[in-house]
Protein backbone atom coordinates (compact mmCIF):
# COMPACT_ATOMS: atom_id res chain seq x y z
CA ASP A 1 0.00 0.00 0.00
CA VAL A 2 1.15 3.54 -0.76
CA VAL A 3 -0.23 6.30 1.44
CA THR A 4 0.59 9.96 0.77
CA ARG A 5 0.40 12.67 3.41
CA HIS A 6 0.94 16.43 3.18
CA CYS A 7 3.05 17.33 6.23
CA PRO A 8 4.86 20.65 5.67
CA LYS A 9 5.55 21.17 9.40
CA LEU A 10 7.17 17.76 9.70
CA LEU A 11 9.52 18.45 6.80
CA ALA A 12 10.27 22.09 7.57
CA HIS A 13 13.94 23.05 8.01
CA ASP A 14 13.15 24.71 11.31
CA THR A 15 12.71 24.04 15.02
CA VAL A 16 9.36 22.24 15.17
CA ASN A 17 7.76 19.44 17.17
CA ARG A 18 8.36 16.65 14.65
CA ALA A 19 7.51 13.91 17.15
CA ALA A 20 3.97 15.27 17.52
CA SER A 21 3.57 15.44 13.75
CA LEU A 22 4.69 11.82 13.44
CA ARG A 23 2.22 10.68 16.11
CA SER A 24 -0.59 12.30 14.17
CA LEU A 25 0.19 10.09 11.17
CA ASN A 26 -0.83 6.93 13.06
CA LEU A 27 1.66 4.72 11.25
CA PRO A 28 0.88 1.00 11.46
CA SER A 29 3.20 -1.08 13.60
CA GLY A 30 3.77 -4.69 14.60
CA ASP A 31 5.64 -7.73 13.34
CA ASP A 32 3.25 -8.18 10.42
CA HIS A 33 3.96 -4.70 9.04
CA LEU A 34 6.88 -3.24 7.15
CA VAL A 35 6.64 0.53 6.91
CA ALA A 36 9.13 2.69 5.00
CA ALA A 37 9.04 6.47 4.63
CA TRP A 38 9.82 8.39 1.45
CA LEU A 39 10.04 12.09 2.31
CA GLU A 40 10.36 15.17 0.14
CA THR A 41 12.55 17.98 1.49
CA GLU A 42 13.26 21.31 -0.14
CA TYR A 43 16.74 21.76 -1.59
CA HIS A 44 18.39 23.84 -4.28
CA PRO A 45 22.16 24.35 -4.69
CA ASP A 46 21.73 28.12 -5.17
CA VAL A 47 19.63 28.56 -2.02
CA PRO A 48 21.57 29.06 1.26
CA ARG A 49 21.54 25.97 3.43
CA PRO A 50 19.27 26.22 6.48
CA GLU A 51 20.83 26.23 9.94
CA ILE A 52 18.60 23.29 10.90
CA ASP A 53 18.33 20.39 8.47
CA ALA A 54 15.17 18.34 8.89
CA LYS A 55 16.66 15.13 7.46
CA PRO A 56 18.86 13.93 10.37
CA HIS A 57 16.11 14.59 12.90
CA LEU A 58 13.52 12.76 10.84
CA ARG A 59 15.78 9.79 10.14
CA ARG A 60 16.43 9.38 13.87
CA LEU A 61 12.82 9.85 14.93
CA LEU A 62 11.49 7.43 12.34
CA GLY A 63 14.27 5.01 13.28
CA HIS A 64 12.85 4.90 16.82
CA LEU A 65 9.54 3.87 15.23
CA GLY A 66 11.24 1.10 13.24
CA VAL A 67 10.79 2.94 9.94
CA PRO A 68 13.69 3.19 7.44
CA THR A 69 13.72 6.42 5.43
CA GLN A 70 14.78 7.89 2.12
CA PHE A 71 14.69 11.54 1.16
CA LEU A 72 13.93 13.14 -2.19
CA ALA A 73 15.18 16.67 -2.78
CA THR A 74 12.53 18.89 -4.35
CA GLU A 75 12.96 22.42 -5.62
CA PRO A 76 11.50 25.34 -3.65
CA THR A 77 8.31 26.84 -4.98
CA VAL A 78 10.13 30.12 -5.63
CA LEU A 79 13.49 29.62 -7.37
CA PRO A 80 16.43 32.04 -7.18
CA PRO A 81 16.66 34.63 -9.97
CA LYS A 82 18.06 33.44 -13.31
CA THR A 83 17.51 29.81 -12.31
CA ASN A 84 15.60 27.40 -14.49
CA PRO A 85 13.57 24.56 -12.96
CA SER A 86 14.76 21.00 -13.49
CA GLY A 87 13.35 19.18 -16.50
CA THR A 88 10.89 16.32 -16.31
CA GLU A 89 13.49 13.67 -17.12
CA THR A 90 15.82 14.95 -14.40
CA LYS A 91 13.01 14.76 -11.85
CA LYS A 92 12.07 11.26 -12.98
CA HIS A 93 15.69 10.10 -12.69
CA SER A 94 15.95 11.50 -9.14
CA ALA A 95 12.68 9.87 -8.12
CA ARG A 96 13.68 6.48 -9.53
CA ALA A 97 17.04 6.62 -7.75
CA ALA A 98 15.42 7.60 -4.45
CA LEU A 99 12.81 4.84 -4.69
CA ARG A 100 15.48 2.25 -5.41
CA ASP A 101 17.47 3.43 -2.39
CA LEU A 102 14.35 3.14 -0.25
CA LEU A 103 13.84 -0.46 -1.37
CA ARG A 104 17.52 -1.15 -0.71
CA ALA A 105 17.18 0.13 2.86
CA THR A 106 14.15 -2.08 3.45
CA GLY A 107 15.93 -5.18 2.13
CA VAL A 108 13.56 -5.63 -0.81
CA LEU A 109 15.40 -7.44 -3.61
CA ASP A 110 14.41 -8.25 -7.14
CA ASN A 111 15.73 -11.18 -9.15
CA ARG A 112 18.57 -9.27 -10.90
CA LEU A 113 21.07 -9.56 -8.08
CA LEU A 114 20.33 -13.20 -7.37
CA ASP A 115 20.31 -14.15 -11.05
CA SER A 116 23.75 -12.59 -11.40
CA VAL A 117 25.36 -14.87 -8.79
CA ILE A 118 23.67 -18.25 -9.22
CA ALA A 119 25.17 -21.06 -11.28
CA GLY A 120 24.25 -21.07 -14.94
CA ARG A 121 24.34 -17.29 -15.22
CA ARG A 122 28.09 -16.76 -14.85
CA PRO A 123 31.18 -18.93 -14.47
CA HIS A 124 31.68 -20.22 -10.92
CA GLY A 125 28.18 -19.14 -9.87
CA LEU A 126 26.47 -20.20 -6.66
CA ALA A 127 25.02 -23.70 -6.79
CA ARG A 128 24.28 -24.09 -3.05
CA LYS A 129 22.85 -22.14 -0.14
CA ALA A 130 25.31 -19.63 1.30
CA LEU A 131 25.67 -16.81 3.80
CA LEU A 132 27.45 -13.80 2.33
CA VAL A 133 28.57 -11.40 5.09
CA GLY A 134 30.01 -7.89 4.90
CA ILE A 135 31.96 -6.49 7.88
CA HIS A 136 32.51 -2.72 7.89
CA ALA A 137 34.61 -0.84 10.47
CA ARG A 138 35.34 2.90 10.47
CA ARG A 139 36.81 5.35 12.97
CA GLN A 140 34.36 8.19 13.61
CA GLN A 141 36.37 11.41 13.77
CA THR A 142 33.90 13.60 15.66
CA GLY A 143 33.64 11.92 19.06
CA THR A 144 33.89 14.19 22.12
CA ASP A 145 34.99 11.40 24.50
CA GLY A 146 37.39 9.67 22.15
CA LYS A 147 36.92 8.48 18.62
CA PRO A 148 34.32 5.69 18.49
CA LEU A 149 34.64 2.77 16.11
CA VAL A 150 31.62 2.16 13.91
CA LEU A 151 31.05 -1.55 13.32
CA THR A 152 28.27 -2.69 10.98
CA MET A 153 27.53 -6.18 9.70
CA VAL A 154 25.14 -7.17 6.93
CA ALA A 155 24.37 -10.70 5.73
CA LEU A 156 22.80 -11.90 2.51
CA TYR A 157 21.32 -15.38 2.72
CA VAL A 158 21.08 -16.85 -0.77
CA ASP A 159 19.25 -20.00 -1.81
CA PRO A 160 19.75 -20.39 -5.58
CA ASP A 161 16.70 -22.68 -5.76
CA ASP A 162 14.25 -20.48 -3.87
CA LEU A 163 14.19 -16.73 -4.49
CA ALA A 164 11.51 -16.17 -1.85
CA SER A 165 13.70 -17.51 0.96
CA CYS A 166 16.58 -15.14 0.25
CA GLN A 167 17.03 -12.50 2.94
CA VAL A 168 19.02 -9.40 3.83
CA LEU A 169 19.84 -9.37 7.54
CA VAL A 170 21.45 -6.63 9.65
CA HIS A 171 22.88 -7.04 13.12
CA SER A 172 21.07 -4.69 15.49
CA ASP A 173 22.98 -3.47 18.56
CA ARG A 174 19.68 -2.22 19.96
CA ARG A 175 18.16 -5.72 19.95
CA GLN A 176 21.45 -7.66 20.20
CA ALA A 177 20.26 -9.87 17.37
CA TRP A 178 20.18 -10.35 13.61
CA VAL A 179 17.00 -8.85 12.20
CA ARG A 180 15.56 -8.17 8.76
CA SER A 181 17.17 -5.27 6.95
CA ALA A 182 14.46 -2.66 7.54
CA GLU A 183 14.50 -3.18 11.31
CA GLY A 184 18.29 -3.21 11.49
CA VAL A 185 18.62 -0.04 9.44
CA ALA A 186 16.02 1.78 11.57
CA ASP A 187 17.63 0.60 14.82
CA PHE A 188 21.09 1.73 13.73
CA HIS A 189 19.92 5.17 12.67
CA SER A 190 17.96 5.72 15.90
CA GLY A 191 20.98 5.53 18.19
CA ALA A 192 24.47 6.96 18.62
CA ILE A 193 27.01 6.18 15.93
CA GLY A 194 29.75 3.79 17.00
CA THR A 195 31.16 3.07 20.44
CA THR A 196 34.47 3.77 22.16
CA ARG A 197 34.37 0.20 23.54
CA PHE A 198 35.59 -1.02 20.16
CA GLY A 199 38.94 -0.12 18.67
CA ARG A 200 41.96 -1.12 16.62
CA THR A 201 44.58 -1.47 19.36
CA GLY A 202 45.14 -3.44 22.57
CA GLU A 203 42.21 -4.81 24.51
CA LYS A 204 39.73 -2.92 22.36
CA THR A 205 40.88 -4.89 19.33
CA GLU A 206 40.36 -8.19 21.14
CA LEU A 207 36.88 -7.10 22.24
CA THR A 208 36.01 -6.08 18.68
CA ARG A 209 37.12 -9.47 17.34
CA ASP A 210 35.21 -11.32 20.08
CA VAL A 211 32.02 -9.38 19.34
CA VAL A 212 32.29 -10.15 15.63
CA GLU A 213 32.82 -13.86 16.36
CA ALA A 214 29.75 -13.95 18.61
CA ARG A 215 27.64 -12.31 15.91
CA LEU A 216 28.88 -14.74 13.26
CA GLY A 217 28.03 -17.65 15.53
CA GLU A 218 24.50 -16.32 16.05
CA LEU A 219 24.09 -15.92 12.30
CA LEU A 220 25.18 -19.47 11.57
CA ALA A 221 22.73 -20.77 14.19
CA MET A 222 19.87 -19.23 12.18
CA THR A 223 20.64 -21.25 9.02
CA PRO A 224 20.68 -24.98 8.20
CA ASP A 225 23.71 -26.91 9.45
CA GLY A 226 26.59 -26.90 7.02
CA THR A 227 25.69 -23.62 5.31
CA PRO A 228 28.98 -22.11 4.08
CA MET A 229 29.80 -18.50 4.94
CA VAL A 230 31.81 -16.07 2.84
CA ILE A 231 33.06 -12.98 4.72
CA PHE A 232 33.96 -9.83 2.77
CA VAL A 233 36.15 -7.15 4.36
CA ASP A 234 37.77 -3.91 3.23
CA THR A 235 41.57 -4.08 3.44
CA GLN A 236 42.02 -0.48 4.53
CA GLU A 237 39.46 -0.65 7.32
CA THR A 238 40.06 -4.05 8.89
CA ARG A 239 43.68 -5.15 8.53
CA THR A 240 44.69 -3.57 11.83
CA ILE A 241 41.88 -5.41 13.61
CA TRP A 242 42.73 -8.76 12.01
CA PRO A 243 46.51 -8.90 11.29
CA GLY A 244 45.99 -12.07 9.24
CA LEU A 245 44.60 -9.82 6.49
CA GLN A 246 47.93 -8.01 6.08
CA ASN A 247 50.27 -8.95 3.25
CA ALA A 248 53.18 -9.64 5.59
CA GLN A 249 51.25 -12.30 7.54
CA LEU A 250 48.44 -13.23 5.18
CA ASN A 251 46.37 -16.04 6.71
CA ALA A 252 49.04 -16.42 9.41
CA GLY A 253 47.36 -14.17 12.01
CA PRO A 254 43.87 -13.59 13.38
CA LEU A 255 41.09 -13.57 10.79
CA PRO A 256 37.36 -12.87 11.04
CA GLY A 257 35.54 -16.15 11.62
CA ASP A 258 38.43 -17.90 13.41
CA LYS A 259 36.35 -19.09 16.37
CA VAL A 260 33.38 -20.32 14.36
CA ARG A 261 35.80 -21.99 11.95
CA GLY A 262 37.40 -23.70 14.94
CA GLY A 263 33.95 -25.06 15.80
CA GLY A 264 33.66 -26.75 12.42
CA ALA A 265 31.97 -24.01 10.36
CA ASP A 266 32.82 -23.63 6.67
CA ILE A 267 34.24 -20.08 6.53
CA ALA A 268 35.88 -18.26 3.62
CA VAL A 269 37.43 -14.80 3.88
CA VAL A 270 37.83 -12.41 0.93
CA ARG A 271 39.76 -9.16 1.24
CA LEU A 272 39.13 -6.19 -1.06
CA ASN A 273 41.30 -3.16 -1.70
CA THR A 274 40.30 -0.20 -3.88
CA GLU A 275 43.20 2.08 -2.90
CA LEU A 276 45.00 2.64 -6.20
CA SER A 277 48.11 3.93 -4.45
CA GLU A 278 48.56 0.39 -3.15
CA ILE A 279 47.30 -1.79 -6.00
CA GLY A 280 48.16 0.39 -9.00
CA ARG A 281 45.95 1.73 -11.77
CA PRO A 282 45.09 -0.68 -14.60
CA VAL A 283 46.63 0.73 -17.80
CA THR A 284 47.66 -2.32 -19.82
CA ARG A 285 45.61 -4.95 -21.59
CA ARG A 286 47.25 -7.63 -23.72
CA GLU A 287 44.25 -8.94 -25.64
CA LYS A 288 44.21 -8.15 -29.35
CA ALA A 289 40.46 -7.64 -29.68
CA ASN A 290 39.02 -4.11 -29.54
CA MET A 291 42.38 -2.47 -29.04
CA PRO A 292 42.55 1.29 -29.74
CA SER A 293 44.22 2.34 -33.00
CA ASP A 294 46.32 4.88 -31.11
CA PRO A 295 49.15 2.95 -29.39
CA ALA A 296 49.51 5.74 -26.83
CA LYS A 297 45.91 5.35 -25.66
CA PRO A 298 45.31 2.78 -22.89
CA ALA A 299 42.90 -0.01 -23.74
CA ALA A 300 39.68 0.02 -21.75
CA PRO A 301 39.49 -2.87 -19.25
CA ASP A 302 37.33 -5.74 -20.39
CA ARG A 303 34.51 -7.23 -18.27
CA LYS A 304 36.84 -9.82 -16.78
CA VAL A 305 38.60 -10.68 -13.55
CA TYR A 306 42.35 -10.91 -14.09
CA ARG A 307 44.46 -13.31 -12.05
CA LEU A 308 47.70 -11.71 -10.89
CA PRO A 309 50.48 -14.13 -11.87
CA SER A 310 52.72 -13.86 -8.81
CA ALA A 311 50.12 -14.36 -6.09
CA ASP A 312 49.74 -18.17 -5.77
CA GLY A 313 46.33 -18.05 -7.43
CA ARG A 314 44.73 -16.14 -4.55
CA CYS A 315 45.02 -12.55 -5.83
CA TRP A 316 42.90 -11.05 -8.62
CA LEU A 317 42.28 -7.66 -10.22
CA PHE A 318 38.78 -6.59 -11.20
CA ALA A 319 39.34 -3.59 -13.45
CA GLY A 320 36.57 -1.23 -14.49
CA ARG A 321 35.37 2.04 -15.89
CA SER A 322 33.26 4.57 -14.01
CA VAL A 323 29.86 5.72 -15.23
CA SER A 324 31.40 9.06 -16.19
CA ILE A 325 34.17 7.64 -18.37
CA LYS A 326 31.70 5.32 -20.11
CA ALA A 327 29.34 8.18 -20.93
CA LYS A 328 29.40 9.91 -24.31
CA GLY A 329 32.45 12.17 -24.40
CA GLY A 330 33.48 11.08 -20.91
CA ASP A 331 36.73 9.41 -21.94
CA LYS A 332 38.70 12.58 -22.68
CA GLY A 333 41.24 11.51 -20.08
CA ALA A 334 42.07 8.45 -22.18
CA PHE A 335 43.06 10.67 -25.12
CA HIS A 336 44.66 13.68 -23.45
CA THR A 337 46.07 15.06 -20.24
CA ARG A 338 44.94 18.44 -18.94
CA TRP A 339 48.18 19.88 -20.34
CA THR A 340 47.79 18.42 -23.84
CA LEU A 341 44.10 19.21 -24.35
CA PRO A 342 43.55 20.82 -27.79
CA ALA A 343 42.35 24.42 -27.93
CA GLY A 344 38.94 23.35 -29.19
CA LEU A 345 38.31 21.25 -26.08
CA THR A 346 39.33 23.68 -23.34
CA SER A 347 35.75 23.74 -22.07
CA GLN A 348 36.32 20.17 -20.88
CA LEU A 349 38.73 21.41 -18.22
CA THR A 350 35.78 22.21 -15.95
CA VAL A 351 34.29 18.72 -16.35
CA PRO A 352 35.30 15.97 -13.88
CA TRP A 353 37.70 13.54 -15.56
CA HIS A 354 37.73 9.88 -14.69
CA SER A 355 40.26 7.18 -15.44
CA TYR A 356 40.20 3.42 -15.29
CA THR A 357 39.84 1.98 -11.82
CA GLY A 358 40.31 -1.40 -10.23
CA LYS A 359 39.82 -3.41 -7.09
CA GLU A 360 42.11 -6.08 -5.73
CA ILE A 361 40.37 -9.29 -4.68
CA VAL A 362 42.43 -11.49 -2.37
CA VAL A 363 41.12 -14.90 -1.30
CA VAL A 364 42.65 -14.99 2.17
CA SER A 365 41.00 -18.24 3.25
CA PRO A 366 38.98 -20.25 0.69
CA GLY A 367 37.05 -22.58 2.99
CA SER A 368 35.40 -25.25 0.81
CA TRP A 369 35.49 -23.01 -2.28
CA SER A 370 38.08 -22.72 -5.00
CA PRO A 371 39.80 -19.32 -5.33
CA GLU A 372 38.31 -19.02 -8.83
CA GLN A 373 34.79 -19.48 -7.44
CA LEU A 374 35.28 -16.80 -4.81
CA ALA A 375 36.87 -14.34 -7.22
CA GLY A 376 33.97 -14.81 -9.66
CA LEU A 377 31.37 -14.55 -6.89
CA THR A 378 32.95 -11.36 -5.55
CA ALA A 379 33.02 -9.78 -9.00
CA SER A 380 29.38 -10.74 -9.60
CA LEU A 381 28.36 -9.15 -6.30
CA CYS A 382 30.04 -5.92 -7.43
CA GLU A 383 28.76 -6.07 -10.99
CA GLN A 384 25.03 -6.12 -10.20
CA ALA A 385 24.18 -3.56 -7.55
CA VAL A 386 21.04 -3.64 -5.44
CA SER A 387 19.81 -0.11 -6.11
CA TRP A 388 21.30 1.06 -9.38
CA ASP A 389 22.39 -0.18 -12.79
CA ASP A 390 26.18 -0.10 -12.56
CA ARG A 391 28.99 -1.55 -10.50
CA THR A 392 29.69 -0.82 -6.86
CA GLN A 393 33.13 -0.58 -5.28
CA MET A 394 32.40 -3.40 -2.86
CA PRO A 395 30.35 -6.62 -3.10
CA VAL A 396 26.72 -6.27 -2.05
CA PRO A 397 26.89 -7.33 1.64
CA LEU A 398 29.88 -5.08 2.33
CA HIS A 399 28.42 -2.28 0.20
CA LEU A 400 25.21 -2.38 2.26
CA ALA A 401 27.18 -2.35 5.53
CA ILE A 402 29.03 0.78 4.36
CA LEU A 403 25.83 2.55 3.28
CA LEU A 404 24.25 1.77 6.65
CA ASP A 405 27.04 3.82 8.24
CA ASP A 406 27.02 6.54 5.57
CA ASP A 407 23.29 7.20 6.07
CA HIS A 408 23.50 7.64 9.84
CA PRO A 409 22.31 11.08 11.05
CA ASP A 410 25.62 11.63 12.87
CA TYR A 411 27.86 10.51 10.04
CA ARG A 412 30.67 13.00 9.52
CA VAL A 413 34.12 12.81 7.93
CA SER A 414 36.81 15.00 9.44
CA GLY A 415 40.25 14.40 7.99
CA ASP A 416 41.60 11.09 6.83
CA GLU A 417 40.19 7.90 8.31
CA ASP A 418 42.63 5.66 10.15
CA ALA A 419 43.35 2.48 8.21
């Protein structure tokens, strides 16, 4: 059911009693309901930002009610002088993107993601039930009593034979349990971001690892015995928590899932790195097909996962092109540098330039899988995103865990994050 309400006071960028406005809506509640809120808020880049932004307050208040939210920026009724209103297609595109993000927050999936990872669709696809888990950790830079560590965990349970049984689960600190995505998202956004109990050094590191192990054990207990688990982690964010993820002691130190693996669970760990200063930018392709006629122009990466030859079969490169560089006229950076741009193209200097990107996929611990299977699965989970039509930097479970943090009302970035 879709219910529309006109609530200008609730959405006003001002000091108002939003809680009272929410109570007047009489939103349904209970275990048999899933309510999500799609809210329009006024925004225009040429209009000064208000001192009070309604969005963080609303996200937190609705989170307390168990309602995940998504906002849609709408233009003010009166636009600034010499400003043209957005066209119909632009508004449609924004609305579609916002609706998809709302469905992503509620854990509503269509068949595209699942079709992209099951066997028969791609090489090394899933042919058995599996738990795919993303672990995200980030140091929050704005804490007043120390810098809290934000820890989010999202699991995707996939049954290739039964689409209806597939689930997105989020661990809720508020309930101390794994819950469906909508509840977990709402719970996370209703509370404080991160905790100073967790950390990357000393006893705090051990506590962080113990908490993760307990959560993984609870997750496994919710699925049939023998269900394999694949854990995805970001190299930059987690290698100081689990030293076994570091190159110098790869798989020779602590890893996520160690305790549940010791209890007989089938656990695989995949590490991802998108930091080009560490993995290098893909600029060479040796295939003869579709090579550019200009030998000085780099060949665009193909839709393949490349095995790195000196890594014992466990390290792969998934090269790619951004949406911008794939767009019409967006590949100027492949032809010129900003210092060699012809006079007729100087207007392009003000346009963002993109180059080829890549992510390193390292199979730290394969479990019962082959490294080729895990590399292909990881690439498939990046190739088909949940809420848009292009690739994501991280595979779906880890991508969702990162977005959960990014959408928090208190999310701020101040300076460089500690790796």
